[in-house]
């Protein structure tokens, strides 16, 4: 079963390195979706997802429907992404 990775970004210079780091870490077992909140999705589902996950700052990453702990208070790190299963078959 594929791991669902969702990235919430503002499309800014601070967010883009995190998006790239996640993409660099992902493997065939990861299904990655990037939500650029500055552009907003057509049906507003990205806003509903961000609210449901409790996203209050960006960038933010959710794995299998759960916002990573690092996205709530700290910077997103490679170690946190790996411990969430990103890049592991």
PDB file of N, CA and C in Angstrom:
ATOM      1  N   UNK A   1       0.837  -1.184   0.000  1.00  0.00           N
ATOM      2  CA  UNK A   1       0.000   0.000   0.000  1.00  0.00           C
ATOM      3  C   UNK A   1       0.883   1.251   0.000  1.00  0.00           C
ATOM      4  N   UNK A   2       0.546   2.193  -0.826  1.00  0.00           N
ATOM      5  CA  UNK A   2       1.346   3.411  -0.931  1.00  0.00           C
ATOM      6  C   UNK A   2       1.153   4.311   0.281  1.00  0.00           C
ATOM      7  N   UNK A   3       2.233   4.963   0.663  1.00  0.00           N
ATOM      8  CA  UNK A   3       2.218   5.945   1.743  1.00  0.00           C
ATOM      9  C   UNK A   3       1.782   7.266   1.129  1.00  0.00           C
ATOM     10  N   UNK A   4       0.769   7.905   1.696  1.00  0.00           N
ATOM     11  CA  UNK A   4       0.251   9.161   1.159  1.00  0.00           C
ATOM     12  C   UNK A   4       0.948  10.327   1.850  1.00  0.00           C
ATOM     13  N   UNK A   5       1.687  11.105   1.064  1.00  0.00           N
ATOM     14  CA  UNK A   5       2.424  12.253   1.579  1.00  0.00           C
ATOM     15  C   UNK A   5       1.800  13.513   0.993  1.00  0.00           C
ATOM     16  N   UNK A   6       1.383  14.422   1.869  1.00  0.00           N
ATOM     17  CA  UNK A   6       0.776  15.673   1.435  1.00  0.00           C
ATOM     18  C   UNK A   6       1.613  16.830   1.956  1.00  0.00           C
ATOM     19  N   UNK A   7       1.973  17.732   1.045  1.00  0.00           N
ATOM     20  CA  UNK A   7       2.779  18.892   1.401  1.00  0.00           C
ATOM     21  C   UNK A   7       1.925  20.140   1.219  1.00  0.00           C
ATOM     22  N   UNK A   8       1.870  20.957   2.254  1.00  0.00           N
ATOM     23  CA  UNK A   8       1.146  22.229   2.198  1.00  0.00           C
ATOM     24  C   UNK A   8       2.195  23.331   2.123  1.00  0.00           C
ATOM     25  N   UNK A   9       2.121  24.146   1.078  1.00  0.00           N
ATOM     26  CA  UNK A   9       3.122  25.169   0.841  1.00  0.00           C
ATOM     27  C   UNK A   9       2.457  26.486   0.486  1.00  0.00           C
ATOM     28  N   UNK A  10       3.211  27.567   0.679  1.00  0.00           N
ATOM     29  CA  UNK A  10       2.746  28.885   0.251  1.00  0.00           C
ATOM     30  C   UNK A  10       3.424  29.276  -1.058  1.00  0.00           C
ATOM     31  N   UNK A  11       4.223  28.351  -1.615  1.00  0.00           N
ATOM     32  CA  UNK A  11       4.917  28.620  -2.860  1.00  0.00           C
ATOM     33  C   UNK A  11       6.033  29.644  -2.710  1.00  0.00           C
ATOM     34  N   UNK A  12       6.550  29.790  -1.509  1.00  0.00           N
ATOM     35  CA  UNK A  12       7.556  30.812  -1.229  1.00  0.00           C
ATOM     36  C   UNK A  12       8.966  30.208  -1.157  1.00  0.00           C
ATOM     37  N   UNK A  13       9.996  31.040  -1.101  1.00  0.00           N
ATOM     38  CA  UNK A  13      11.370  30.544  -1.035  1.00  0.00           C
ATOM     39  C   UNK A  13      11.671  29.730   0.220  1.00  0.00           C
ATOM     40  N   UNK A  14      10.909  29.910   1.271  1.00  0.00           N
ATOM     41  CA  UNK A  14      11.101  29.114   2.489  1.00  0.00           C
ATOM     42  C   UNK A  14      10.504  27.718   2.307  1.00  0.00           C
ATOM     43  N   UNK A  15       9.412  27.626   1.600  1.00  0.00           N
ATOM     44  CA  UNK A  15       8.714  26.355   1.414  1.00  0.00           C
ATOM     45  C   UNK A  15       9.372  25.454   0.368  1.00  0.00           C
ATOM     46  N   UNK A  16       9.882  26.028  -0.681  1.00  0.00           N
ATOM     47  CA  UNK A  16      10.374  25.227  -1.803  1.00  0.00           C
ATOM     48  C   UNK A  16      11.481  24.243  -1.437  1.00  0.00           C
ATOM     49  N   UNK A  17      12.449  24.593  -0.561  1.00  0.00           N
ATOM     50  CA  UNK A  17      13.452  23.599  -0.186  1.00  0.00           C
ATOM     51  C   UNK A  17      12.846  22.387   0.537  1.00  0.00           C
ATOM     52  N   UNK A  18      11.787  22.605   1.293  1.00  0.00           N
ATOM     53  CA  UNK A  18      11.117  21.488   1.981  1.00  0.00           C
ATOM     54  C   UNK A  18      10.416  20.606   0.960  1.00  0.00           C
ATOM     55  N   UNK A  19       9.740  21.205   0.005  1.00  0.00           N
ATOM     56  CA  UNK A  19       9.084  20.435  -1.058  1.00  0.00           C
ATOM     57  C   UNK A  19      10.121  19.578  -1.779  1.00  0.00           C
ATOM     58  N   UNK A  20      11.258  20.177  -2.109  1.00  0.00           N
ATOM     59  CA  UNK A  20      12.302  19.439  -2.816  1.00  0.00           C
ATOM     60  C   UNK A  20      12.885  18.329  -1.947  1.00  0.00           C
ATOM     61  N   UNK A  21      13.082  18.592  -0.636  1.00  0.00           N
ATOM     62  CA  UNK A  21      13.610  17.581   0.268  1.00  0.00           C
ATOM     63  C   UNK A  21      12.678  16.377   0.348  1.00  0.00           C
ATOM     64  N   UNK A  22      11.383  16.629   0.440  1.00  0.00           N
ATOM     65  CA  UNK A  22      10.411  15.533   0.484  1.00  0.00           C
ATOM     66  C   UNK A  22      10.461  14.747  -0.823  1.00  0.00           C
ATOM     67  N   UNK A  23      10.474  15.446  -1.938  1.00  0.00           N
ATOM     68  CA  UNK A  23      10.516  14.766  -3.233  1.00  0.00           C
ATOM     69  C   UNK A  23      11.794  13.952  -3.391  1.00  0.00           C
ATOM     70  N   UNK A  24      12.913  14.470  -2.889  1.00  0.00           N
ATOM     71  CA  UNK A  24      14.182  13.750  -2.969  1.00  0.00           C
ATOM     72  C   UNK A  24      14.163  12.481  -2.122  1.00  0.00           C
ATOM     73  N   UNK A  25      13.428  12.502  -1.025  1.00  0.00           N
ATOM     74  CA  UNK A  25      13.385  11.358  -0.113  1.00  0.00           C
ATOM     75  C   UNK A  25      12.387  10.286  -0.525  1.00  0.00           C
ATOM     76  N   UNK A  26      11.393  10.655  -1.286  1.00  0.00           N
ATOM     77  CA  UNK A  26      10.326   9.705  -1.589  1.00  0.00           C
ATOM     78  C   UNK A  26      10.807   8.531  -2.433  1.00  0.00           C
ATOM     79  N   UNK A  27      10.060   7.441  -2.306  1.00  0.00           N
ATOM     80  CA  UNK A  27      10.370   6.224  -3.051  1.00  0.00           C
ATOM     81  C   UNK A  27       9.106   5.779  -3.793  1.00  0.00           C
ATOM     82  N   UNK A  28       9.164   4.612  -4.389  1.00  0.00           N
ATOM     83  CA  UNK A  28       8.019   4.096  -5.144  1.00  0.00           C
ATOM     84  C   UNK A  28       6.804   3.826  -4.261  1.00  0.00           C
ATOM     85  N   UNK A  29       7.026   3.718  -2.949  1.00  0.00           N
ATOM     86  CA  UNK A  29       5.923   3.456  -2.024  1.00  0.00           C
ATOM     87  C   UNK A  29       5.259   4.744  -1.542  1.00  0.00           C
ATOM     88  N   UNK A  30       5.681   5.887  -2.060  1.00  0.00           N
ATOM     89  CA  UNK A  30       5.133   7.175  -1.637  1.00  0.00           C
ATOM     90  C   UNK A  30       4.330   7.810  -2.767  1.00  0.00           C
ATOM     91  N   UNK A  31       3.154   8.305  -2.424  1.00  0.00           N
ATOM     92  CA  UNK A  31       2.310   9.061  -3.351  1.00  0.00           C
ATOM     93  C   UNK A  31       2.281  10.499  -2.826  1.00  0.00           C
ATOM     94  N   UNK A  32       2.940  11.419  -3.526  1.00  0.00           N
ATOM     95  CA  UNK A  32       3.114  12.788  -3.045  1.00  0.00           C
ATOM     96  C   UNK A  32       2.151  13.742  -3.739  1.00  0.00           C
ATOM     97  N   UNK A  33       1.492  14.572  -2.928  1.00  0.00           N
ATOM     98  CA  UNK A  33       0.629  15.634  -3.429  1.00  0.00           C
ATOM     99  C   UNK A  33       1.092  16.945  -2.808  1.00  0.00           C
ATOM    100  N   UNK A  34       1.273  17.957  -3.636  1.00  0.00           N
ATOM    101  CA  UNK A  34       1.668  19.276  -3.151  1.00  0.00           C
ATOM    102  C   UNK A  34       0.476  20.212  -3.287  1.00  0.00           C
ATOM    103  N   UNK A  35       0.107  20.839  -2.184  1.00  0.00           N
ATOM    104  CA  UNK A  35      -0.974  21.825  -2.187  1.00  0.00           C
ATOM    105  C   UNK A  35      -0.346  23.204  -2.020  1.00  0.00           C
ATOM    106  N   UNK A  36      -0.377  24.017  -3.066  1.00  0.00           N
ATOM    107  CA  UNK A  36       0.117  25.378  -2.985  1.00  0.00           C
ATOM    108  C   UNK A  36      -1.048  26.249  -2.534  1.00  0.00           C
ATOM    109  N   UNK A  37      -1.035  26.617  -1.283  1.00  0.00           N
ATOM    110  CA  UNK A  37      -2.156  27.337  -0.704  1.00  0.00           C
ATOM    111  C   UNK A  37      -2.263  28.769  -1.248  1.00  0.00           C
ATOM    112  N   UNK A  38      -1.182  29.309  -1.788  1.00  0.00           N
ATOM    113  CA  UNK A  38      -1.234  30.645  -2.388  1.00  0.00           C
ATOM    114  C   UNK A  38      -2.057  30.632  -3.665  1.00  0.00           C
ATOM    115  N   UNK A  39      -2.025  29.508  -4.382  1.00  0.00           N
ATOM    116  CA  UNK A  39      -2.794  29.389  -5.619  1.00  0.00           C
ATOM    117  C   UNK A  39      -4.181  28.810  -5.373  1.00  0.00           C
ATOM    118  N   UNK A  40      -4.368  28.131  -4.278  1.00  0.00           N
ATOM    119  CA  UNK A  40      -5.635  27.510  -3.893  1.00  0.00           C
ATOM    120  C   UNK A  40      -6.128  26.554  -4.976  1.00  0.00           C
ATOM    121  N   UNK A  41      -6.601  25.432  -4.572  1.00  0.00           N
ATOM    122  CA  UNK A  41      -7.118  24.451  -5.523  1.00  0.00           C
ATOM    123  C   UNK A  41      -8.533  24.846  -5.957  1.00  0.00           C
ATOM    124  N   UNK A  42      -8.942  24.352  -7.093  1.00  0.00           N
ATOM    125  CA  UNK A  42     -10.222  24.751  -7.677  1.00  0.00           C
ATOM    126  C   UNK A  42     -11.417  24.482  -6.773  1.00  0.00           C
ATOM    127  N   UNK A  43     -11.427  23.310  -6.149  1.00  0.00           N
ATOM    128  CA  UNK A  43     -12.600  22.943  -5.357  1.00  0.00           C
ATOM    129  C   UNK A  43     -12.452  23.246  -3.861  1.00  0.00           C
ATOM    130  N   UNK A  44     -11.369  23.922  -3.474  1.00  0.00           N
ATOM    131  CA  UNK A  44     -11.104  24.321  -2.080  1.00  0.00           C
ATOM    132  C   UNK A  44     -10.866  23.137  -1.145  1.00  0.00           C
ATOM    133  N   UNK A  45     -10.698  21.923  -1.704  1.00  0.00           N
ATOM    134  CA  UNK A  45     -10.450  20.750  -0.859  1.00  0.00           C
ATOM    135  C   UNK A  45      -9.122  20.872  -0.115  1.00  0.00           C
ATOM    136  N   UNK A  46      -8.148  21.572  -0.710  1.00  0.00           N
ATOM    137  CA  UNK A  46      -6.856  21.734  -0.038  1.00  0.00           C
ATOM    138  C   UNK A  46      -7.017  22.561   1.243  1.00  0.00           C
ATOM    139  N   UNK A  47      -7.879  23.553   1.225  1.00  0.00           N
ATOM    140  CA  UNK A  47      -8.136  24.353   2.419  1.00  0.00           C
ATOM    141  C   UNK A  47      -8.809  23.504   3.490  1.00  0.00           C
ATOM    142  N   UNK A  48      -9.769  22.682   3.093  1.00  0.00           N
ATOM    143  CA  UNK A  48     -10.448  21.799   4.048  1.00  0.00           C
ATOM    144  C   UNK A  48      -9.463  20.810   4.656  1.00  0.00           C
ATOM    145  N   UNK A  49      -8.555  20.247   3.840  1.00  0.00           N
ATOM    146  CA  UNK A  49      -7.554  19.312   4.348  1.00  0.00           C
ATOM    147  C   UNK A  49      -6.627  20.005   5.340  1.00  0.00           C
ATOM    148  N   UNK A  50      -6.164  21.199   4.997  1.00  0.00           N
ATOM    149  CA  UNK A  50      -5.275  21.940   5.891  1.00  0.00           C
ATOM    150  C   UNK A  50      -5.949  22.192   7.237  1.00  0.00           C
ATOM    151  N   UNK A  51      -7.201  22.564   7.211  1.00  0.00           N
ATOM    152  CA  UNK A  51      -7.947  22.793   8.460  1.00  0.00           C
ATOM    153  C   UNK A  51      -8.112  21.499   9.240  1.00  0.00           C
ATOM    154  N   UNK A  52      -8.452  20.424   8.555  1.00  0.00           N
ATOM    155  CA  UNK A  52      -8.661  19.137   9.214  1.00  0.00           C
ATOM    156  C   UNK A  52      -7.378  18.633   9.877  1.00  0.00           C
ATOM    157  N   UNK A  53      -6.241  18.865   9.240  1.00  0.00           N
ATOM    158  CA  UNK A  53      -4.956  18.429   9.801  1.00  0.00           C
ATOM    159  C   UNK A  53      -4.435  19.374  10.867  1.00  0.00           C
ATOM    160  N   UNK A  54      -5.011  20.568  10.965  1.00  0.00           N
ATOM    161  CA  UNK A  54      -4.535  21.538  11.947  1.00  0.00           C
ATOM    162  C   UNK A  54      -3.319  22.316  11.488  1.00  0.00           C
ATOM    163  N   UNK A  55      -3.174  22.493  10.174  1.00  0.00           N
ATOM    164  CA  UNK A  55      -2.043  23.249   9.642  1.00  0.00           C
ATOM    165  C   UNK A  55      -2.221  24.719  10.025  1.00  0.00           C
ATOM    166  N   UNK A  56      -1.243  25.258  10.732  1.00  0.00           N
ATOM    167  CA  UNK A  56      -1.286  26.668  11.124  1.00  0.00           C
ATOM    168  C   UNK A  56      -0.082  27.439  10.595  1.00  0.00           C
ATOM    169  N   UNK A  57       0.888  26.710  10.019  1.00  0.00           N
ATOM    170  CA  UNK A  57       2.041  27.349   9.404  1.00  0.00           C
ATOM    171  C   UNK A  57       2.541  26.501   8.253  1.00  0.00           C
ATOM    172  N   UNK A  58       3.243  27.139   7.352  1.00  0.00           N
ATOM    173  CA  UNK A  58       3.746  26.418   6.189  1.00  0.00           C
ATOM    174  C   UNK A  58       5.239  26.656   6.056  1.00  0.00           C
ATOM    175  N   UNK A  59       5.921  25.699   5.506  1.00  0.00           N
ATOM    176  CA  UNK A  59       5.422  24.463   4.919  1.00  0.00           C
ATOM    177  C   UNK A  59       4.996  23.475   5.999  1.00  0.00           C
ATOM    178  N   UNK A  60       4.143  22.547   5.610  1.00  0.00           N
ATOM    179  CA  UNK A  60       3.687  21.490   6.514  1.00  0.00           C
ATOM    180  C   UNK A  60       3.582  20.195   5.717  1.00  0.00           C
ATOM    181  N   UNK A  61       3.830  19.090   6.393  1.00  0.00           N
ATOM    182  CA  UNK A  61       3.794  17.782   5.738  1.00  0.00           C
ATOM    183  C   UNK A  61       2.922  16.843   6.561  1.00  0.00           C
ATOM    184  N   UNK A  62       2.023  16.144   5.875  1.00  0.00           N
ATOM    185  CA  UNK A  62       1.195  15.114   6.500  1.00  0.00           C
ATOM    186  C   UNK A  62       1.525  13.789   5.818  1.00  0.00           C
ATOM    187  N   UNK A  63       1.612  12.740   6.615  1.00  0.00           N
ATOM    188  CA  UNK A  63       1.864  11.402   6.085  1.00  0.00           C
ATOM    189  C   UNK A  63       0.720  10.511   6.532  1.00  0.00           C
ATOM    190  N   UNK A  64       0.078   9.874   5.566  1.00  0.00           N
ATOM    191  CA  UNK A  64      -1.054   8.992   5.829  1.00  0.00           C
ATOM    192  C   UNK A  64      -2.107   9.644   6.719  1.00  0.00           C
ATOM    193  N   UNK A  65      -2.412  10.911   6.398  1.00  0.00           N
ATOM    194  CA  UNK A  65      -3.491  11.609   7.085  1.00  0.00           C
ATOM    195  C   UNK A  65      -3.152  12.207   8.428  1.00  0.00           C
ATOM    196  N   UNK A  66      -1.852  12.230   8.792  1.00  0.00           N
ATOM    197  CA  UNK A  66      -1.458  12.778  10.091  1.00  0.00           C
ATOM    198  C   UNK A  66      -0.368  13.818   9.893  1.00  0.00           C
ATOM    199  N   UNK A  67      -0.611  15.019  10.419  1.00  0.00           N
ATOM    200  CA  UNK A  67       0.370  16.089  10.355  1.00  0.00           C
ATOM    201  C   UNK A  67       1.577  15.694  11.192  1.00  0.00           C
ATOM    202  N   UNK A  68       2.774  15.828  10.617  1.00  0.00           N
ATOM    203  CA  UNK A  68       3.982  15.479  11.350  1.00  0.00           C
ATOM    204  C   UNK A  68       4.173  16.406  12.543  1.00  0.00           C
ATOM    205  N   UNK A  69       4.703  15.880  13.626  1.00  0.00           N
ATOM    206  CA  UNK A  69       4.927  16.673  14.834  1.00  0.00           C
ATOM    207  C   UNK A  69       5.788  17.895  14.570  1.00  0.00           C
ATOM    208  N   UNK A  70       6.790  17.750  13.701  1.00  0.00           N
ATOM    209  CA  UNK A  70       7.691  18.869  13.425  1.00  0.00           C
ATOM    210  C   UNK A  70       6.950  20.044  12.798  1.00  0.00           C
ATOM    211  N   UNK A  71       5.837  19.785  12.165  1.00  0.00           N
ATOM    212  CA  UNK A  71       5.098  20.848  11.483  1.00  0.00           C
ATOM    213  C   UNK A  71       4.251  21.666  12.441  1.00  0.00           C
ATOM    214  N   UNK A  72       4.150  21.226  13.652  1.00  0.00           N
ATOM    215  CA  UNK A  72       3.332  21.933  14.618  1.00  0.00           C
ATOM    216  C   UNK A  72       4.127  22.983  15.388  1.00  0.00           C
ATOM    217  N   UNK A  73       5.416  22.712  15.640  1.00  0.00           N
ATOM    218  CA  UNK A  73       6.188  23.637  16.465  1.00  0.00           C
ATOM    219  C   UNK A  73       7.583  23.941  15.958  1.00  0.00           C
ATOM    220  N   UNK A  74       8.170  23.066  15.173  1.00  0.00           N
ATOM    221  CA  UNK A  74       9.568  23.195  14.793  1.00  0.00           C
ATOM    222  C   UNK A  74       9.740  23.181  13.288  1.00  0.00           C
ATOM    223  N   UNK A  75      10.981  23.308  12.863  1.00  0.00           N
ATOM    224  CA  UNK A  75      11.310  23.214  11.443  1.00  0.00           C
ATOM    225  C   UNK A  75      11.214  21.763  10.985  1.00  0.00           C
ATOM    226  N   UNK A  76      10.930  21.573   9.734  1.00  0.00           N
ATOM    227  CA  UNK A  76      10.853  20.236   9.151  1.00  0.00           C
ATOM    228  C   UNK A  76      12.275  19.774   8.869  1.00  0.00           C
ATOM    229  N   UNK A  77      12.600  18.581   9.354  1.00  0.00           N
ATOM    230  CA  UNK A  77      13.944  18.054   9.152  1.00  0.00           C
ATOM    231  C   UNK A  77      13.890  16.755   8.361  1.00  0.00           C
ATOM    232  N   UNK A  78      14.999  16.444   7.737  1.00  0.00           N
ATOM    233  CA  UNK A  78      15.127  15.199   6.992  1.00  0.00           C
ATOM    234  C   UNK A  78      14.884  14.011   7.924  1.00  0.00           C
ATOM    235  N   UNK A  79      15.411  14.086   9.137  1.00  0.00           N
ATOM    236  CA  UNK A  79      15.261  13.005  10.105  1.00  0.00           C
ATOM    237  C   UNK A  79      13.794  12.753  10.457  1.00  0.00           C
ATOM    238  N   UNK A  80      13.037  13.827  10.626  1.00  0.00           N
ATOM    239  CA  UNK A  80      11.610  13.702  10.942  1.00  0.00           C
ATOM    240  C   UNK A  80      10.856  13.061   9.779  1.00  0.00           C
ATOM    241  N   UNK A  81      11.196  13.443   8.565  1.00  0.00           N
ATOM    242  CA  UNK A  81      10.544  12.865   7.388  1.00  0.00           C
ATOM    243  C   UNK A  81      10.847  11.371   7.280  1.00  0.00           C
ATOM    244  N   UNK A  82      12.096  11.009   7.495  1.00  0.00           N
ATOM    245  CA  UNK A  82      12.479   9.593   7.430  1.00  0.00           C
ATOM    246  C   UNK A  82      11.790   8.797   8.531  1.00  0.00           C
ATOM    247  N   UNK A  83      11.723   9.365   9.737  1.00  0.00           N
ATOM    248  CA  UNK A  83      11.058   8.630  10.834  1.00  0.00           C
ATOM    249  C   UNK A  83       9.571   8.482  10.596  1.00  0.00           C
ATOM    250  N   UNK A  84       8.992   9.328   9.728  1.00  0.00           N
ATOM    251  CA  UNK A  84       7.570   9.206   9.369  1.00  0.00           C
ATOM    252  C   UNK A  84       7.365   8.179   8.257  1.00  0.00           C
ATOM    253  N   UNK A  85       8.475   7.615   7.761  1.00  0.00           N
ATOM    254  CA  UNK A  85       8.370   6.567   6.757  1.00  0.00           C
ATOM    255  C   UNK A  85       8.588   7.017   5.330  1.00  0.00           C
ATOM    256  N   UNK A  86       8.870   8.285   5.126  1.00  0.00           N
ATOM    257  CA  UNK A  86       9.095   8.780   3.771  1.00  0.00           C
ATOM    258  C   UNK A  86      10.404   8.203   3.242  1.00  0.00           C
ATOM    259  N   UNK A  87      10.341   7.612   2.058  1.00  0.00           N
ATOM    260  CA  UNK A  87      11.522   7.050   1.425  1.00  0.00           C
ATOM    261  C   UNK A  87      11.822   5.611   1.804  1.00  0.00           C
ATOM    262  N   UNK A  88      10.926   5.009   2.567  1.00  0.00           N
ATOM    263  CA  UNK A  88      11.130   3.627   2.976  1.00  0.00           C
ATOM    264  C   UNK A  88      10.099   2.752   2.285  1.00  0.00           C
ATOM    265  N   UNK A  89      10.555   1.721   1.610  1.00  0.00           N
ATOM    266  CA  UNK A  89       9.645   0.827   0.902  1.00  0.00           C
ATOM    267  C   UNK A  89       8.791   0.016   1.865  1.00  0.00           C
TER     268      UNK A  89
END
